[in-house]
Amino acid sequence: MVVLDDIVTTGVTLAAVSRVLTASGLSPTVAAVLAATRKRRPL
């Protein structure tokens, strides 16, 4: 099972999809993203 996400910011979407798939009896094996946001530095 491959999970695709367009942009990963915090990883919350990928984690939620993984939980739903696992609860449904499926096993996500790969997560792929097209872009990622930079971590913000504290002010």
PDB file of N, CA and C in Angstrom:
ATOM      1  N   MET A   1       0.858  -1.173   0.000  1.00  0.00           N
ATOM      2  CA  MET A   1       0.000   0.000   0.000  1.00  0.00           C
ATOM      3  C   MET A   1       0.899   1.229   0.000  1.00  0.00           C
ATOM      4  N   VAL A   2       0.634   2.131  -0.917  1.00  0.00           N
ATOM      5  CA  VAL A   2       1.379   3.380  -1.015  1.00  0.00           C
ATOM      6  C   VAL A   2       0.432   4.518  -0.670  1.00  0.00           C
ATOM      7  N   VAL A   3       0.867   5.410   0.217  1.00  0.00           N
ATOM      8  CA  VAL A   3       0.095   6.596   0.587  1.00  0.00           C
ATOM      9  C   VAL A   3       0.800   7.803  -0.016  1.00  0.00           C
ATOM     10  N   LEU A   4       0.057   8.620  -0.771  1.00  0.00           N
ATOM     11  CA  LEU A   4       0.621   9.813  -1.395  1.00  0.00           C
ATOM     12  C   LEU A   4       0.039  11.062  -0.748  1.00  0.00           C
ATOM     13  N   ASP A   5       0.894  12.052  -0.515  1.00  0.00           N
ATOM     14  CA  ASP A   5       0.463  13.342   0.028  1.00  0.00           C
ATOM     15  C   ASP A   5       1.150  14.420  -0.801  1.00  0.00           C
ATOM     16  N   ASP A   6       0.442  15.493  -1.107  1.00  0.00           N
ATOM     17  CA  ASP A   6       1.043  16.527  -1.946  1.00  0.00           C
ATOM     18  C   ASP A   6       2.101  17.329  -1.195  1.00  0.00           C
ATOM     19  N   ILE A   7       1.780  17.787  -0.001  1.00  0.00           N
ATOM     20  CA  ILE A   7       2.734  18.574   0.803  1.00  0.00           C
ATOM     21  C   ILE A   7       2.644  18.102   2.249  1.00  0.00           C
ATOM     22  N   VAL A   8       3.782  17.811   2.845  1.00  0.00           N
ATOM     23  CA  VAL A   8       3.780  17.434   4.254  1.00  0.00           C
ATOM     24  C   VAL A   8       4.257  18.644   5.071  1.00  0.00           C
ATOM     25  N   THR A   9       3.463  19.013   6.035  1.00  0.00           N
ATOM     26  CA  THR A   9       3.814  20.130   6.917  1.00  0.00           C
ATOM     27  C   THR A   9       4.160  19.595   8.297  1.00  0.00           C
ATOM     28  N   THR A  10       3.208  18.924   8.918  1.00  0.00           N
ATOM     29  CA  THR A  10       3.432  18.391  10.260  1.00  0.00           C
ATOM     30  C   THR A  10       3.439  16.870  10.306  1.00  0.00           C
ATOM     31  N   GLY A  11       2.959  16.233   9.244  1.00  0.00           N
ATOM     32  CA  GLY A  11       2.868  14.777   9.226  1.00  0.00           C
ATOM     33  C   GLY A  11       1.565  14.237   9.788  1.00  0.00           C
ATOM     34  N   VAL A  12       0.672  15.131  10.214  1.00  0.00           N
ATOM     35  CA  VAL A  12      -0.584  14.724  10.827  1.00  0.00           C
ATOM     36  C   VAL A  12      -1.464  13.960   9.832  1.00  0.00           C
ATOM     37  N   THR A  13      -1.529  14.423   8.588  1.00  0.00           N
ATOM     38  CA  THR A  13      -2.362  13.752   7.583  1.00  0.00           C
ATOM     39  C   THR A  13      -1.862  12.335   7.330  1.00  0.00           C
ATOM     40  N   LEU A  14      -0.562  12.179   7.139  1.00  0.00           N
ATOM     41  CA  LEU A  14      -0.006  10.847   6.902  1.00  0.00           C
ATOM     42  C   LEU A  14      -0.238   9.930   8.092  1.00  0.00           C
ATOM     43  N   ALA A  15      -0.106  10.446   9.294  1.00  0.00           N
ATOM     44  CA  ALA A  15      -0.344   9.639  10.497  1.00  0.00           C
ATOM     45  C   ALA A  15      -1.803   9.213  10.589  1.00  0.00           C
ATOM     46  N   ALA A  16      -2.722  10.127  10.280  1.00  0.00           N
ATOM     47  CA  ALA A  16      -4.148   9.811  10.347  1.00  0.00           C
ATOM     48  C   ALA A  16      -4.527   8.761   9.306  1.00  0.00           C
ATOM     49  N   VAL A  17      -4.022   8.903   8.091  1.00  0.00           N
ATOM     50  CA  VAL A  17      -4.308   7.926   7.039  1.00  0.00           C
ATOM     51  C   VAL A  17      -3.747   6.564   7.432  1.00  0.00           C
ATOM     52  N   SER A  18      -2.570   6.560   7.988  1.00  0.00           N
ATOM     53  CA  SER A  18      -1.958   5.302   8.430  1.00  0.00           C
ATOM     54  C   SER A  18      -2.809   4.618   9.498  1.00  0.00           C
ATOM     55  N   ARG A  19      -3.317   5.399  10.451  1.00  0.00           N
ATOM     56  CA  ARG A  19      -4.179   4.831  11.504  1.00  0.00           C
ATOM     57  C   ARG A  19      -5.459   4.244  10.925  1.00  0.00           C
ATOM     58  N   VAL A  20      -6.090   4.956   9.984  1.00  0.00           N
ATOM     59  CA  VAL A  20      -7.333   4.481   9.374  1.00  0.00           C
ATOM     60  C   VAL A  20      -7.079   3.201   8.578  1.00  0.00           C
ATOM     61  N   LEU A  21      -6.020   3.179   7.797  1.00  0.00           N
ATOM     62  CA  LEU A  21      -5.705   1.978   7.025  1.00  0.00           C
ATOM     63  C   LEU A  21      -5.412   0.791   7.928  1.00  0.00           C
ATOM     64  N   THR A  22      -4.641   1.017   8.973  1.00  0.00           N
ATOM     65  CA  THR A  22      -4.310  -0.053   9.912  1.00  0.00           C
ATOM     66  C   THR A  22      -5.569  -0.571  10.599  1.00  0.00           C
ATOM     67  N   ALA A  23      -6.464   0.327  10.995  1.00  0.00           N
ATOM     68  CA  ALA A  23      -7.718  -0.076  11.637  1.00  0.00           C
ATOM     69  C   ALA A  23      -8.611  -0.861  10.675  1.00  0.00           C
ATOM     70  N   SER A  24      -8.439  -0.626   9.369  1.00  0.00           N
ATOM     71  CA  SER A  24      -9.217  -1.332   8.357  1.00  0.00           C
ATOM     72  C   SER A  24      -8.581  -2.657   7.951  1.00  0.00           C
ATOM     73  N   GLY A  25      -7.450  -2.977   8.558  1.00  0.00           N
ATOM     74  CA  GLY A  25      -6.774  -4.227   8.249  1.00  0.00           C
ATOM     75  C   GLY A  25      -5.762  -4.134   7.124  1.00  0.00           C
ATOM     76  N   LEU A  26      -5.514  -2.931   6.631  1.00  0.00           N
ATOM     77  CA  LEU A  26      -4.510  -2.738   5.585  1.00  0.00           C
ATOM     78  C   LEU A  26      -3.208  -2.272   6.211  1.00  0.00           C
ATOM     79  N   SER A  27      -2.125  -2.473   5.511  1.00  0.00           N
ATOM     80  CA  SER A  27      -0.825  -2.116   6.053  1.00  0.00           C
ATOM     81  C   SER A  27      -0.108  -1.138   5.132  1.00  0.00           C
ATOM     82  N   PRO A  28      -0.092   0.161   5.492  1.00  0.00           N
ATOM     83  CA  PRO A  28       0.654   1.105   4.662  1.00  0.00           C
ATOM     84  C   PRO A  28       2.146   0.795   4.758  1.00  0.00           C
ATOM     85  N   THR A  29       2.814   0.654   3.620  1.00  0.00           N
ATOM     86  CA  THR A  29       4.232   0.310   3.647  1.00  0.00           C
ATOM     87  C   THR A  29       5.127   1.440   3.170  1.00  0.00           C
ATOM     88  N   VAL A  30       4.558   2.374   2.387  1.00  0.00           N
ATOM     89  CA  VAL A  30       5.341   3.485   1.856  1.00  0.00           C
ATOM     90  C   VAL A  30       4.506   4.749   1.931  1.00  0.00           C
ATOM     91  N   ALA A  31       5.128   5.840   2.358  1.00  0.00           N
ATOM     92  CA  ALA A  31       4.489   7.154   2.312  1.00  0.00           C
ATOM     93  C   ALA A  31       5.358   8.035   1.422  1.00  0.00           C
ATOM     94  N   ALA A  32       4.760   8.624   0.405  1.00  0.00           N
ATOM     95  CA  ALA A  32       5.501   9.476  -0.519  1.00  0.00           C
ATOM     96  C   ALA A  32       4.867  10.861  -0.539  1.00  0.00           C
ATOM     97  N   VAL A  33       5.724  11.888  -0.560  1.00  0.00           N
ATOM     98  CA  VAL A  33       5.242  13.275  -0.629  1.00  0.00           C
ATOM     99  C   VAL A  33       5.964  13.988  -1.762  1.00  0.00           C
ATOM    100  N   LEU A  34       5.302  14.991  -2.311  1.00  0.00           N
ATOM    101  CA  LEU A  34       5.891  15.760  -3.404  1.00  0.00           C
ATOM    102  C   LEU A  34       6.717  16.937  -2.906  1.00  0.00           C
ATOM    103  N   ALA A  35       6.361  17.482  -1.749  1.00  0.00           N
ATOM    104  CA  ALA A  35       7.071  18.636  -1.214  1.00  0.00           C
ATOM    105  C   ALA A  35       6.904  18.666   0.298  1.00  0.00           C
ATOM    106  N   ALA A  36       7.789  19.381   0.953  1.00  0.00           N
ATOM    107  CA  ALA A  36       7.712  19.537   2.405  1.00  0.00           C
ATOM    108  C   ALA A  36       7.980  20.992   2.762  1.00  0.00           C
ATOM    109  N   THR A  37       7.331  21.461   3.807  1.00  0.00           N
ATOM    110  CA  THR A  37       7.589  22.823   4.271  1.00  0.00           C
ATOM    111  C   THR A  37       8.801  22.817   5.181  1.00  0.00           C
ATOM    112  N   ARG A  38       9.444  23.941   5.264  1.00  0.00           N
ATOM    113  CA  ARG A  38      10.594  24.060   6.170  1.00  0.00           C
ATOM    114  C   ARG A  38      10.111  24.205   7.599  1.00  0.00           C
ATOM    115  N   LYS A  39      10.904  23.690   8.520  1.00  0.00           N
ATOM    116  CA  LYS A  39      10.595  23.907   9.933  1.00  0.00           C
ATOM    117  C   LYS A  39      10.874  25.368  10.246  1.00  0.00           C
ATOM    118  N   ARG A  40       9.964  25.949  10.994  1.00  0.00           N
ATOM    119  CA  ARG A  40      10.158  27.344  11.394  1.00  0.00           C
ATOM    120  C   ARG A  40      11.081  27.403  12.594  1.00  0.00           C
ATOM    121  N   ARG A  41      11.955  28.376  12.572  1.00  0.00           N
ATOM    122  CA  ARG A  41      12.835  28.591  13.715  1.00  0.00           C
ATOM    123  C   ARG A  41      12.126  29.462  14.740  1.00  0.00           C
ATOM    124  N   PRO A  42      12.304  29.175  16.029  1.00  0.00           N
ATOM    125  CA  PRO A  42      11.695  30.029  17.053  1.00  0.00           C
ATOM    126  C   PRO A  42      12.222  31.453  16.957  1.00  0.00           C
ATOM    127  N   LEU A  43      11.350  32.405  17.236  1.00  0.00           N
ATOM    128  CA  LEU A  43      11.754  33.818  17.201  1.00  0.00           C
ATOM    129  C   LEU A  43      12.595  34.195  18.382  1.00  0.00           C
TER     130      LEU A  43
END
